[in-house]
Amino acid sequence: MIESLLAYGWWVGAVLIVLGFVALVKGADWLVDGASAVAKSFGISDLVIGLTVVAFGTSMPEFVVNMVSVAEGTTDLAITNILGSNIINTLVILGLTALVYPVVSQKRSRDFDIPMSIIAGILVFAFVAVNSPFGEDEKGISRMGGIILLLMFCYFLYNTFRHAKDHPEELEEPTPDPSLKGGEISTRRALCLILGGLVGLVVGGELIVKSAVDLATRLGVSEAIIGLTIVALGTSLPELATSVMAATKHNSDIALGNVVGSNIFNVFFVLGMSAVVRPLPAYEGIELDAWTAAVGSILVWLFVKTNHEREIKRWGGAILLLVYTGYLTYRLLNV
């Protein structure tokens, strides 16, 4: 079905990618709403819902695109979707947010979350830049590498739950997704939302991956470039909208937590699961992509650690955007 539509021309692929992103984002939204309602019906606390259902929901677009990619064998797209998304999250989204209003950081973010995102980036760089110590013949993220990432994710979750339990005053109210607009959702409607969300995610993922591969072939560029740009930007749209909106309301600390948390989930959970399902071999230019993702987190940590306000100021946001512009220009000129 999708392949027959793509035969009509590149513009059909572009339209299908847009439709895929709409289905992906809406599907994730429905899934979070339905799962949160079901969890509340079982008496699960807002804390647990916020740290699991809502947090996982924000990474579902990247997760589904990656699962479809590894199933189709397009592993370059699986890696670049994550690296590109994290680069855009840090350099573009935080950069734009800081230009709107300085991004304030919380102590937890400075002392744990941002360092964890730096570790995530460095781990990926180490996996793809050096020969594997686990006996694989080619560089990349092996199944053992994926297991290591998942173990890091378990540690992150454990530490996050423990901190939230010990410091409940730091939690924002309400913790669950605000789209649960004030009323109770019936069990039947919640299950319909979950089913509709899953369908939207699967359909959206299929549309994006197959259309992106077709578009790359027609344009004569690699899947890696399409993954770093079009696919990564599309899967980062929810974070972009949330962060800029928070900045316009002077709640920019939400933006930092949203972006850093998404980056950690992307690498430790999504990339880890992808590598366990199918090893992800390195592609040309992957070292630069992985290092740029790590450098973005390092810059954010330096910005919030080197001023009394502990925030990313407007000049810091400008630097982040300039770094992204330089990176993207170099990457496109050296395809």
C-alpha atoms as a PDB file:
ATOM      1  CA  MET A   1       0.000   0.000   0.000  1.00  0.00           C
ATOM      2  CA  ILE A   2       2.635   2.550   1.078  1.00  0.00           C
ATOM      3  CA  GLU A   3       5.058   1.400  -1.627  1.00  0.00           C
ATOM      4  CA  SER A   4       2.405   1.844  -4.341  1.00  0.00           C
ATOM      5  CA  LEU A   5       1.688   5.395  -3.185  1.00  0.00           C
ATOM      6  CA  LEU A   6       5.389   6.275  -3.138  1.00  0.00           C
ATOM      7  CA  ALA A   7       5.618   5.328  -6.829  1.00  0.00           C
ATOM      8  CA  TYR A   8       3.773   8.542  -7.728  1.00  0.00           C
ATOM      9  CA  GLY A   9       6.735  10.775  -6.856  1.00  0.00           C
ATOM     10  CA  TRP A  10       8.884  12.284  -4.124  1.00  0.00           C
ATOM     11  CA  TRP A  11       6.162  14.753  -3.122  1.00  0.00           C
ATOM     12  CA  VAL A  12       3.919  11.857  -2.084  1.00  0.00           C
ATOM     13  CA  GLY A  13       6.687  10.643   0.234  1.00  0.00           C
ATOM     14  CA  ALA A  14       6.972  14.124   1.758  1.00  0.00           C
ATOM     15  CA  VAL A  15       3.216  14.231   2.388  1.00  0.00           C
ATOM     16  CA  LEU A  16       3.257  10.736   3.898  1.00  0.00           C
ATOM     17  CA  ILE A  17       6.084  11.738   6.262  1.00  0.00           C
ATOM     18  CA  VAL A  18       4.016  14.689   7.499  1.00  0.00           C
ATOM     19  CA  LEU A  19       0.964  12.442   7.946  1.00  0.00           C
ATOM     20  CA  GLY A  20       3.173   9.937   9.745  1.00  0.00           C
ATOM     21  CA  PHE A  21       4.338  12.556  12.232  1.00  0.00           C
ATOM     22  CA  VAL A  22       0.729  13.626  12.877  1.00  0.00           C
ATOM     23  CA  ALA A  23      -0.289  10.007  13.512  1.00  0.00           C
ATOM     24  CA  LEU A  24       2.796   9.419  15.657  1.00  0.00           C
ATOM     25  CA  VAL A  25       2.335  12.467  17.910  1.00  0.00           C
ATOM     26  CA  LYS A  26      -1.434  12.003  18.236  1.00  0.00           C
ATOM     27  CA  GLY A  27      -0.995   8.299  18.892  1.00  0.00           C
ATOM     28  CA  ALA A  28       1.474   8.980  21.695  1.00  0.00           C
ATOM     29  CA  ASP A  29      -0.909  11.567  23.146  1.00  0.00           C
ATOM     30  CA  TRP A  30      -3.852   9.142  23.155  1.00  0.00           C
ATOM     31  CA  LEU A  31      -1.747   6.345  24.576  1.00  0.00           C
ATOM     32  CA  VAL A  32      -0.577   8.512  27.483  1.00  0.00           C
ATOM     33  CA  ASP A  33      -4.123   9.730  28.214  1.00  0.00           C
ATOM     34  CA  GLY A  34      -5.588   6.234  28.157  1.00  0.00           C
ATOM     35  CA  ALA A  35      -2.789   4.575  30.111  1.00  0.00           C
ATOM     36  CA  SER A  36      -2.812   7.343  32.744  1.00  0.00           C
ATOM     37  CA  ALA A  37      -6.567   6.962  33.212  1.00  0.00           C
ATOM     38  CA  VAL A  38      -6.284   3.180  33.578  1.00  0.00           C
ATOM     39  CA  ALA A  39      -3.423   3.584  36.057  1.00  0.00           C
ATOM     40  CA  LYS A  40      -5.457   6.024  38.170  1.00  0.00           C
ATOM     41  CA  SER A  41      -8.420   3.615  38.157  1.00  0.00           C
ATOM     42  CA  PHE A  42      -6.125   1.064  39.837  1.00  0.00           C
ATOM     43  CA  GLY A  43      -5.156   3.583  42.513  1.00  0.00           C
ATOM     44  CA  ILE A  44      -1.630   4.181  41.201  1.00  0.00           C
ATOM     45  CA  SER A  45      -0.242   7.475  42.481  1.00  0.00           C
ATOM     46  CA  ASP A  46       0.342  10.566  40.388  1.00  0.00           C
ATOM     47  CA  LEU A  47       4.048  10.224  41.160  1.00  0.00           C
ATOM     48  CA  VAL A  48       4.319   6.780  39.587  1.00  0.00           C
ATOM     49  CA  ILE A  49       2.156   7.801  36.619  1.00  0.00           C
ATOM     50  CA  GLY A  50       4.304  10.854  35.993  1.00  0.00           C
ATOM     51  CA  LEU A  51       7.582   8.976  36.206  1.00  0.00           C
ATOM     52  CA  THR A  52       6.487   6.027  34.064  1.00  0.00           C
ATOM     53  CA  VAL A  53       3.464   6.436  31.781  1.00  0.00           C
ATOM     54  CA  VAL A  54       3.954  10.125  30.958  1.00  0.00           C
ATOM     55  CA  ALA A  55       7.742   9.909  30.771  1.00  0.00           C
ATOM     56  CA  PHE A  56       7.667   6.858  28.490  1.00  0.00           C
ATOM     57  CA  GLY A  57       4.932   8.443  26.400  1.00  0.00           C
ATOM     58  CA  THR A  58       7.097  11.405  25.440  1.00  0.00           C
ATOM     59  CA  SER A  59       9.695   9.023  23.981  1.00  0.00           C
ATOM     60  CA  MET A  60       7.183   6.835  22.130  1.00  0.00           C
ATOM     61  CA  PRO A  61       7.632   8.596  18.740  1.00  0.00           C
ATOM     62  CA  GLU A  62      11.381   7.878  18.760  1.00  0.00           C
ATOM     63  CA  PHE A  63      10.789   4.357  20.108  1.00  0.00           C
ATOM     64  CA  VAL A  64       8.267   3.374  17.428  1.00  0.00           C
ATOM     65  CA  VAL A  65      10.328   4.833  14.579  1.00  0.00           C
ATOM     66  CA  ASN A  66      13.343   2.875  15.851  1.00  0.00           C
ATOM     67  CA  MET A  67      11.469  -0.393  16.237  1.00  0.00           C
ATOM     68  CA  VAL A  68      10.109  -0.115  12.701  1.00  0.00           C
ATOM     69  CA  SER A  69      13.583   0.831  11.438  1.00  0.00           C
ATOM     70  CA  VAL A  70      15.324  -2.177  12.979  1.00  0.00           C
ATOM     71  CA  ALA A  71      12.518  -4.452  11.783  1.00  0.00           C
ATOM     72  CA  GLU A  72      13.000  -3.114   8.239  1.00  0.00           C
ATOM     73  CA  GLY A  73      16.794  -3.389   8.529  1.00  0.00           C
ATOM     74  CA  THR A  74      17.357   0.373   8.159  1.00  0.00           C
ATOM     75  CA  THR A  75      19.708   0.599  11.135  1.00  0.00           C
ATOM     76  CA  ASP A  76      21.268   3.909  10.029  1.00  0.00           C
ATOM     77  CA  LEU A  77      17.858   5.512  10.433  1.00  0.00           C
ATOM     78  CA  ALA A  78      17.487   3.985  13.906  1.00  0.00           C
ATOM     79  CA  ILE A  79      20.736   5.504  15.195  1.00  0.00           C
ATOM     80  CA  THR A  80      20.397   8.895  13.493  1.00  0.00           C
ATOM     81  CA  ASN A  81      16.823   9.255  14.693  1.00  0.00           C
ATOM     82  CA  ILE A  82      18.120   9.197  18.274  1.00  0.00           C
ATOM     83  CA  LEU A  83      21.360  11.132  17.792  1.00  0.00           C
ATOM     84  CA  GLY A  84      19.631  13.710  15.592  1.00  0.00           C
ATOM     85  CA  SER A  85      16.739  14.054  18.023  1.00  0.00           C
ATOM     86  CA  ASN A  86      19.103  14.597  20.968  1.00  0.00           C
ATOM     87  CA  ILE A  87      21.179  17.125  19.015  1.00  0.00           C
ATOM     88  CA  ILE A  88      18.058  19.059  18.040  1.00  0.00           C
ATOM     89  CA  ASN A  89      16.649  18.805  21.566  1.00  0.00           C
ATOM     90  CA  THR A  90      19.774  20.289  23.133  1.00  0.00           C
ATOM     91  CA  LEU A  91      21.118  22.726  20.551  1.00  0.00           C
ATOM     92  CA  VAL A  92      17.934  23.881  18.814  1.00  0.00           C
ATOM     93  CA  ILE A  93      15.100  23.512  21.325  1.00  0.00           C
ATOM     94  CA  LEU A  94      17.045  24.744  24.368  1.00  0.00           C
ATOM     95  CA  GLY A  95      18.707  27.376  22.188  1.00  0.00           C
ATOM     96  CA  LEU A  96      15.372  28.755  20.972  1.00  0.00           C
ATOM     97  CA  THR A  97      13.846  28.474  24.432  1.00  0.00           C
ATOM     98  CA  ALA A  98      16.716  30.437  26.016  1.00  0.00           C
ATOM     99  CA  LEU A  99      16.317  33.186  23.404  1.00  0.00           C
ATOM    100  CA  VAL A 100      12.657  33.531  24.392  1.00  0.00           C
ATOM    101  CA  TYR A 101      13.406  33.472  28.129  1.00  0.00           C
ATOM    102  CA  PRO A 102      16.497  32.346  30.117  1.00  0.00           C
ATOM    103  CA  VAL A 103      16.254  28.639  30.973  1.00  0.00           C
ATOM    104  CA  VAL A 104      16.380  28.088  34.726  1.00  0.00           C
ATOM    105  CA  SER A 105      17.794  24.835  36.112  1.00  0.00           C
ATOM    106  CA  GLN A 106      16.868  22.853  39.195  1.00  0.00           C
ATOM    107  CA  LYS A 107      19.523  21.392  41.510  1.00  0.00           C
ATOM    108  CA  ARG A 108      18.480  17.857  40.554  1.00  0.00           C
ATOM    109  CA  SER A 109      19.048  18.618  36.874  1.00  0.00           C
ATOM    110  CA  ARG A 110      22.475  20.164  37.477  1.00  0.00           C
ATOM    111  CA  ASP A 111      23.723  17.417  39.778  1.00  0.00           C
ATOM    112  CA  PHE A 112      22.252  14.282  38.201  1.00  0.00           C
ATOM    113  CA  ASP A 113      20.118  14.566  35.060  1.00  0.00           C
ATOM    114  CA  ILE A 114      22.474  16.656  32.912  1.00  0.00           C
ATOM    115  CA  PRO A 115      25.556  14.592  33.932  1.00  0.00           C
ATOM    116  CA  MET A 116      23.572  11.440  33.024  1.00  0.00           C
ATOM    117  CA  SER A 117      22.821  12.889  29.585  1.00  0.00           C
ATOM    118  CA  ILE A 118      26.551  13.627  29.167  1.00  0.00           C
ATOM    119  CA  ILE A 119      27.373  10.028  30.110  1.00  0.00           C
ATOM    120  CA  ALA A 120      24.786   8.814  27.595  1.00  0.00           C
ATOM    121  CA  GLY A 121      26.410  10.784  24.798  1.00  0.00           C
ATOM    122  CA  ILE A 122      29.931   9.700  25.723  1.00  0.00           C
ATOM    123  CA  LEU A 123      28.879   6.047  25.929  1.00  0.00           C
ATOM    124  CA  VAL A 124      27.416   6.147  22.426  1.00  0.00           C
ATOM    125  CA  PHE A 125      30.566   7.865  21.140  1.00  0.00           C
ATOM    126  CA  ALA A 126      32.736   5.194  22.787  1.00  0.00           C
ATOM    127  CA  PHE A 127      30.652   2.371  21.281  1.00  0.00           C
ATOM    128  CA  VAL A 128      30.920   3.720  17.735  1.00  0.00           C
ATOM    129  CA  ALA A 129      34.433   5.208  17.786  1.00  0.00           C
ATOM    130  CA  VAL A 130      36.497   2.354  19.209  1.00  0.00           C
ATOM    131  CA  ASN A 131      36.711  -1.348  18.518  1.00  0.00           C
ATOM    132  CA  SER A 132      34.245  -3.330  20.598  1.00  0.00           C
ATOM    133  CA  PRO A 133      35.685  -5.184  23.604  1.00  0.00           C
ATOM    134  CA  PHE A 134      32.945  -7.826  23.165  1.00  0.00           C
ATOM    135  CA  GLY A 135      34.409  -9.506  20.088  1.00  0.00           C
ATOM    136  CA  GLU A 136      32.313  -7.935  17.292  1.00  0.00           C
ATOM    137  CA  ASP A 137      34.072  -7.408  13.979  1.00  0.00           C
ATOM    138  CA  GLU A 138      32.600  -3.975  13.213  1.00  0.00           C
ATOM    139  CA  LYS A 139      32.152  -0.770  15.140  1.00  0.00           C
ATOM    140  CA  GLY A 140      28.700   0.203  16.293  1.00  0.00           C
ATOM    141  CA  ILE A 141      26.293  -0.550  19.111  1.00  0.00           C
ATOM    142  CA  SER A 142      26.234  -4.312  19.677  1.00  0.00           C
ATOM    143  CA  ARG A 143      23.648  -6.255  21.647  1.00  0.00           C
ATOM    144  CA  MET A 144      25.992  -6.129  24.634  1.00  0.00           C
ATOM    145  CA  GLY A 145      26.225  -2.377  24.182  1.00  0.00           C
ATOM    146  CA  GLY A 146      22.439  -2.231  24.130  1.00  0.00           C
ATOM    147  CA  ILE A 147      22.295  -4.220  27.381  1.00  0.00           C
ATOM    148  CA  ILE A 148      24.727  -1.757  28.997  1.00  0.00           C
ATOM    149  CA  LEU A 149      22.517   1.152  27.914  1.00  0.00           C
ATOM    150  CA  LEU A 150      19.435  -0.585  29.354  1.00  0.00           C
ATOM    151  CA  LEU A 151      21.246  -1.209  32.649  1.00  0.00           C
ATOM    152  CA  MET A 152      22.087   2.498  32.783  1.00  0.00           C
ATOM    153  CA  PHE A 153      18.413   3.222  32.153  1.00  0.00           C
ATOM    154  CA  CYS A 154      17.416   0.992  35.079  1.00  0.00           C
ATOM    155  CA  TYR A 155      19.852   2.877  37.309  1.00  0.00           C
ATOM    156  CA  PHE A 156      18.416   6.191  36.109  1.00  0.00           C
ATOM    157  CA  LEU A 157      14.854   5.068  36.849  1.00  0.00           C
ATOM    158  CA  TYR A 158      15.810   3.730  40.276  1.00  0.00           C
ATOM    159  CA  ASN A 159      17.576   6.962  41.225  1.00  0.00           C
ATOM    160  CA  THR A 160      14.694   9.062  39.893  1.00  0.00           C
ATOM    161  CA  PHE A 161      12.065   7.146  41.870  1.00  0.00           C
ATOM    162  CA  ARG A 162      14.162   7.264  45.034  1.00  0.00           C
ATOM    163  CA  HIS A 163      14.745  11.006  44.683  1.00  0.00           C
ATOM    164  CA  ALA A 164      11.056  11.681  43.974  1.00  0.00           C
ATOM    165  CA  LYS A 165      10.061   9.672  47.053  1.00  0.00           C
ATOM    166  CA  ASP A 166      12.574  11.483  49.272  1.00  0.00           C
ATOM    167  CA  HIS A 167      11.802  14.954  47.882  1.00  0.00           C
ATOM    168  CA  PRO A 168       8.077  15.063  47.028  1.00  0.00           C
ATOM    169  CA  GLU A 169       8.096  18.849  47.422  1.00  0.00           C
ATOM    170  CA  GLU A 170      10.081  19.136  44.174  1.00  0.00           C
ATOM    171  CA  LEU A 171       7.319  17.547  42.126  1.00  0.00           C
ATOM    172  CA  GLU A 172       5.099  19.859  40.156  1.00  0.00           C
ATOM    173  CA  GLU A 173       1.373  19.485  40.549  1.00  0.00           C
ATOM    174  CA  PRO A 174      -0.263  17.872  38.797  1.00  0.00           C
ATOM    175  CA  THR A 175       2.398  15.388  37.790  1.00  0.00           C
ATOM    176  CA  PRO A 176       0.379  13.458  35.179  1.00  0.00           C
ATOM    177  CA  ASP A 177      -0.123  14.664  31.641  1.00  0.00           C
ATOM    178  CA  PRO A 178      -2.206  17.867  31.720  1.00  0.00           C
ATOM    179  CA  SER A 179      -4.262  16.633  28.780  1.00  0.00           C
ATOM    180  CA  LEU A 180      -6.347  14.658  31.266  1.00  0.00           C
ATOM    181  CA  LYS A 181      -8.585  17.670  31.476  1.00  0.00           C
ATOM    182  CA  GLY A 182     -10.072  17.673  34.874  1.00  0.00           C
ATOM    183  CA  GLY A 183     -12.611  14.900  34.471  1.00  0.00           C
ATOM    184  CA  GLU A 184     -12.476  11.181  34.914  1.00  0.00           C
ATOM    185  CA  ILE A 185     -12.083   9.089  31.777  1.00  0.00           C
ATOM    186  CA  SER A 186     -14.227   5.952  31.678  1.00  0.00           C
ATOM    187  CA  THR A 187     -12.487   2.602  31.395  1.00  0.00           C
ATOM    188  CA  ARG A 188     -14.053   1.969  27.981  1.00  0.00           C
ATOM    189  CA  ARG A 189     -12.856   5.318  26.634  1.00  0.00           C
ATOM    190  CA  ALA A 190      -9.427   4.813  28.172  1.00  0.00           C
ATOM    191  CA  LEU A 191      -9.061   1.431  26.443  1.00  0.00           C
ATOM    192  CA  CYS A 192     -10.206   2.973  23.154  1.00  0.00           C
ATOM    193  CA  LEU A 193      -7.579   5.709  23.575  1.00  0.00           C
ATOM    194  CA  ILE A 194      -4.893   3.098  24.215  1.00  0.00           C
ATOM    195  CA  LEU A 195      -5.926   1.054  21.164  1.00  0.00           C
ATOM    196  CA  GLY A 196      -6.215   4.146  18.970  1.00  0.00           C
ATOM    197  CA  GLY A 197      -2.852   5.379  20.245  1.00  0.00           C
ATOM    198  CA  LEU A 198      -1.135   2.095  19.425  1.00  0.00           C
ATOM    199  CA  VAL A 199      -2.641   2.072  15.933  1.00  0.00           C
ATOM    200  CA  GLY A 200      -1.556   5.673  15.368  1.00  0.00           C
ATOM    201  CA  LEU A 201       1.973   4.893  16.528  1.00  0.00           C
ATOM    202  CA  VAL A 202       2.333   1.829  14.309  1.00  0.00           C
ATOM    203  CA  VAL A 203       0.836   3.504  11.233  1.00  0.00           C
ATOM    204  CA  GLY A 204       2.846   6.675  11.811  1.00  0.00           C
ATOM    205  CA  GLY A 205       6.067   4.730  12.266  1.00  0.00           C
ATOM    206  CA  GLU A 206       5.522   2.748   9.062  1.00  0.00           C
ATOM    207  CA  LEU A 207       4.726   5.891   7.065  1.00  0.00           C
ATOM    208  CA  ILE A 208       7.786   7.746   8.334  1.00  0.00           C
ATOM    209  CA  VAL A 209      10.358   4.976   7.915  1.00  0.00           C
ATOM    210  CA  LYS A 210       9.286   3.785   4.468  1.00  0.00           C
ATOM    211  CA  SER A 211       8.761   7.310   3.151  1.00  0.00           C
ATOM    212  CA  ALA A 212      12.084   8.502   4.589  1.00  0.00           C
ATOM    213  CA  VAL A 213      13.986   5.647   2.936  1.00  0.00           C
ATOM    214  CA  ASP A 214      12.236   6.358  -0.380  1.00  0.00           C
ATOM    215  CA  LEU A 215      12.970  10.083  -0.102  1.00  0.00           C
ATOM    216  CA  ALA A 216      16.642   9.434   0.632  1.00  0.00           C
ATOM    217  CA  THR A 217      16.887   7.197  -2.430  1.00  0.00           C
ATOM    218  CA  ARG A 218      15.211   9.750  -4.701  1.00  0.00           C
ATOM    219  CA  LEU A 219      17.355  12.645  -3.430  1.00  0.00           C
ATOM    220  CA  GLY A 220      20.538  10.618  -3.645  1.00  0.00           C
ATOM    221  CA  VAL A 221      21.464  11.146   0.003  1.00  0.00           C
ATOM    222  CA  SER A 222      22.060   8.654   2.774  1.00  0.00           C
ATOM    223  CA  GLU A 223      19.426   7.456   5.217  1.00  0.00           C
ATOM    224  CA  ALA A 224      21.663   8.921   7.920  1.00  0.00           C
ATOM    225  CA  ILE A 225      21.159  12.481   6.620  1.00  0.00           C
ATOM    226  CA  ILE A 226      17.381  12.038   6.392  1.00  0.00           C
ATOM    227  CA  GLY A 227      17.383  10.578   9.911  1.00  0.00           C
ATOM    228  CA  LEU A 228      19.489  13.426  11.347  1.00  0.00           C
ATOM    229  CA  THR A 229      17.289  16.120   9.826  1.00  0.00           C
ATOM    230  CA  ILE A 230      13.721  15.355   8.764  1.00  0.00           C
ATOM    231  CA  VAL A 231      12.989  12.328  10.983  1.00  0.00           C
ATOM    232  CA  ALA A 232      14.819  13.703  14.038  1.00  0.00           C
ATOM    233  CA  LEU A 233      13.102  17.076  13.782  1.00  0.00           C
ATOM    234  CA  GLY A 234       9.697  15.458  13.404  1.00  0.00           C
ATOM    235  CA  THR A 235      10.068  13.223  16.450  1.00  0.00           C
ATOM    236  CA  SER A 236      11.305  16.245  18.460  1.00  0.00           C
ATOM    237  CA  LEU A 237       8.279  18.416  17.643  1.00  0.00           C
ATOM    238  CA  PRO A 238       6.450  17.604  20.922  1.00  0.00           C
ATOM    239  CA  GLU A 239       9.481  18.732  22.966  1.00  0.00           C
ATOM    240  CA  LEU A 240       9.847  21.861  20.822  1.00  0.00           C
ATOM    241  CA  ALA A 241       6.221  22.902  21.270  1.00  0.00           C
ATOM    242  CA  THR A 242       6.235  22.177  25.013  1.00  0.00           C
ATOM    243  CA  SER A 243       9.529  23.981  25.672  1.00  0.00           C
ATOM    244  CA  VAL A 244       8.825  27.158  23.712  1.00  0.00           C
ATOM    245  CA  MET A 245       5.341  27.399  25.198  1.00  0.00           C
ATOM    246  CA  ALA A 246       6.802  27.010  28.709  1.00  0.00           C
ATOM    247  CA  ALA A 247       9.329  29.763  27.967  1.00  0.00           C
ATOM    248  CA  THR A 248       6.628  32.198  26.852  1.00  0.00           C
ATOM    249  CA  LYS A 249       4.990  31.640  30.258  1.00  0.00           C
ATOM    250  CA  HIS A 250       8.356  32.093  32.038  1.00  0.00           C
ATOM    251  CA  ASN A 251       8.313  28.444  33.148  1.00  0.00           C
ATOM    252  CA  SER A 252      11.513  27.625  31.311  1.00  0.00           C
ATOM    253  CA  ASP A 253      12.748  25.175  33.982  1.00  0.00           C
ATOM    254  CA  ILE A 254      10.118  22.790  32.597  1.00  0.00           C
ATOM    255  CA  ALA A 255      11.845  23.017  29.225  1.00  0.00           C
ATOM    256  CA  LEU A 256      15.213  21.918  30.607  1.00  0.00           C
ATOM    257  CA  GLY A 257      13.781  18.927  32.464  1.00  0.00           C
ATOM    258  CA  ASN A 258      11.700  17.969  29.436  1.00  0.00           C
ATOM    259  CA  VAL A 259      14.657  18.045  27.040  1.00  0.00           C
ATOM    260  CA  VAL A 260      17.243  16.403  29.309  1.00  0.00           C
ATOM    261  CA  GLY A 261      14.805  13.676  30.363  1.00  0.00           C
ATOM    262  CA  SER A 262      13.917  12.983  26.735  1.00  0.00           C
ATOM    263  CA  ASN A 263      17.613  12.717  25.792  1.00  0.00           C
ATOM    264  CA  ILE A 264      18.260  10.206  28.573  1.00  0.00           C
ATOM    265  CA  PHE A 265      15.236   8.089  27.619  1.00  0.00           C
ATOM    266  CA  ASN A 266      16.236   8.222  23.942  1.00  0.00           C
ATOM    267  CA  VAL A 267      19.742   6.852  24.459  1.00  0.00           C
ATOM    268  CA  PHE A 268      19.428   4.509  27.420  1.00  0.00           C
ATOM    269  CA  PHE A 269      15.984   3.073  26.645  1.00  0.00           C
ATOM    270  CA  VAL A 270      15.179   3.547  22.944  1.00  0.00           C
ATOM    271  CA  LEU A 271      18.690   3.053  21.543  1.00  0.00           C
ATOM    272  CA  GLY A 272      19.375   0.304  24.066  1.00  0.00           C
ATOM    273  CA  MET A 273      16.243  -1.624  23.081  1.00  0.00           C
ATOM    274  CA  SER A 274      16.980  -1.104  19.392  1.00  0.00           C
ATOM    275  CA  ALA A 275      20.496  -2.547  19.720  1.00  0.00           C
ATOM    276  CA  VAL A 276      19.226  -5.560  21.684  1.00  0.00           C
ATOM    277  CA  VAL A 277      16.691  -6.317  18.932  1.00  0.00           C
ATOM    278  CA  ARG A 278      19.245  -5.814  16.140  1.00  0.00           C
ATOM    279  CA  PRO A 279      22.902  -4.699  16.476  1.00  0.00           C
ATOM    280  CA  LEU A 280      23.410  -1.215  15.038  1.00  0.00           C
ATOM    281  CA  PRO A 281      26.551  -0.971  12.881  1.00  0.00           C
ATOM    282  CA  ALA A 282      28.357   2.346  12.516  1.00  0.00           C
ATOM    283  CA  TYR A 283      27.861   4.501   9.410  1.00  0.00           C
ATOM    284  CA  GLU A 284      30.047   7.183   7.861  1.00  0.00           C
ATOM    285  CA  GLY A 285      30.117  10.276  10.055  1.00  0.00           C
ATOM    286  CA  ILE A 286      28.637   8.635  13.136  1.00  0.00           C
ATOM    287  CA  GLU A 287      31.561   9.713  15.353  1.00  0.00           C
ATOM    288  CA  LEU A 288      30.816  13.390  14.639  1.00  0.00           C
ATOM    289  CA  ASP A 289      27.086  12.898  15.284  1.00  0.00           C
ATOM    290  CA  ALA A 290      27.670  11.078  18.581  1.00  0.00           C
ATOM    291  CA  TRP A 291      30.268  13.605  19.734  1.00  0.00           C
ATOM    292  CA  THR A 292      27.987  16.553  18.856  1.00  0.00           C
ATOM    293  CA  ALA A 293      25.205  15.022  20.944  1.00  0.00           C
ATOM    294  CA  ALA A 294      27.606  14.697  23.898  1.00  0.00           C
ATOM    295  CA  VAL A 295      29.022  18.222  23.433  1.00  0.00           C
ATOM    296  CA  GLY A 296      25.506  19.682  23.495  1.00  0.00           C
ATOM    297  CA  SER A 297      24.904  18.265  26.979  1.00  0.00           C
ATOM    298  CA  ILE A 298      28.358  19.386  28.134  1.00  0.00           C
ATOM    299  CA  LEU A 299      27.644  22.965  26.980  1.00  0.00           C
ATOM    300  CA  VAL A 300      24.299  22.986  28.798  1.00  0.00           C
ATOM    301  CA  TRP A 301      25.982  21.779  32.009  1.00  0.00           C
ATOM    302  CA  LEU A 302      28.686  24.457  31.715  1.00  0.00           C
ATOM    303  CA  PHE A 303      26.095  27.179  31.090  1.00  0.00           C
ATOM    304  CA  VAL A 304      24.058  26.343  34.214  1.00  0.00           C
ATOM    305  CA  LYS A 305      27.135  25.827  36.398  1.00  0.00           C
ATOM    306  CA  THR A 306      29.019  29.032  35.600  1.00  0.00           C
ATOM    307  CA  ASN A 307      26.600  31.780  36.669  1.00  0.00           C
ATOM    308  CA  HIS A 308      24.924  32.656  39.954  1.00  0.00           C
ATOM    309  CA  GLU A 309      21.415  32.328  38.490  1.00  0.00           C
ATOM    310  CA  ARG A 310      22.144  28.735  37.387  1.00  0.00           C
ATOM    311  CA  GLU A 311      20.428  29.290  34.028  1.00  0.00           C
ATOM    312  CA  ILE A 312      21.054  29.219  30.295  1.00  0.00           C
ATOM    313  CA  LYS A 313      21.070  32.898  29.392  1.00  0.00           C
ATOM    314  CA  ARG A 314      20.114  34.316  26.007  1.00  0.00           C
ATOM    315  CA  TRP A 315      23.743  34.434  24.882  1.00  0.00           C
ATOM    316  CA  GLY A 316      24.017  30.748  25.804  1.00  0.00           C
ATOM    317  CA  GLY A 317      20.982  29.989  23.673  1.00  0.00           C
ATOM    318  CA  ALA A 318      22.602  31.860  20.774  1.00  0.00           C
ATOM    319  CA  ILE A 319      25.778  29.782  21.166  1.00  0.00           C
ATOM    320  CA  LEU A 320      23.776  26.532  21.114  1.00  0.00           C
ATOM    321  CA  LEU A 321      22.057  27.579  17.889  1.00  0.00           C
ATOM    322  CA  LEU A 322      25.362  28.634  16.311  1.00  0.00           C
ATOM    323  CA  VAL A 323      26.913  25.270  17.202  1.00  0.00           C
ATOM    324  CA  TYR A 324      23.990  23.482  15.546  1.00  0.00           C
ATOM    325  CA  THR A 325      24.230  25.685  12.451  1.00  0.00           C
ATOM    326  CA  GLY A 326      27.946  24.940  12.132  1.00  0.00           C
ATOM    327  CA  TYR A 327      27.433  21.215  12.692  1.00  0.00           C
ATOM    328  CA  LEU A 328      24.563  20.908  10.211  1.00  0.00           C
ATOM    329  CA  THR A 329      26.383  22.948   7.555  1.00  0.00           C
ATOM    330  CA  TYR A 330      29.489  20.785   7.843  1.00  0.00           C
ATOM    331  CA  ARG A 331      27.426  17.589   7.845  1.00  0.00           C
ATOM    332  CA  LEU A 332      25.480  18.538   4.715  1.00  0.00           C
ATOM    333  CA  LEU A 333      28.585  19.691   2.846  1.00  0.00           C
ATOM    334  CA  ASN A 334      30.368  16.413   3.586  1.00  0.00           C
ATOM    335  CA  VAL A 335      27.692  13.863   2.729  1.00  0.00           C
END
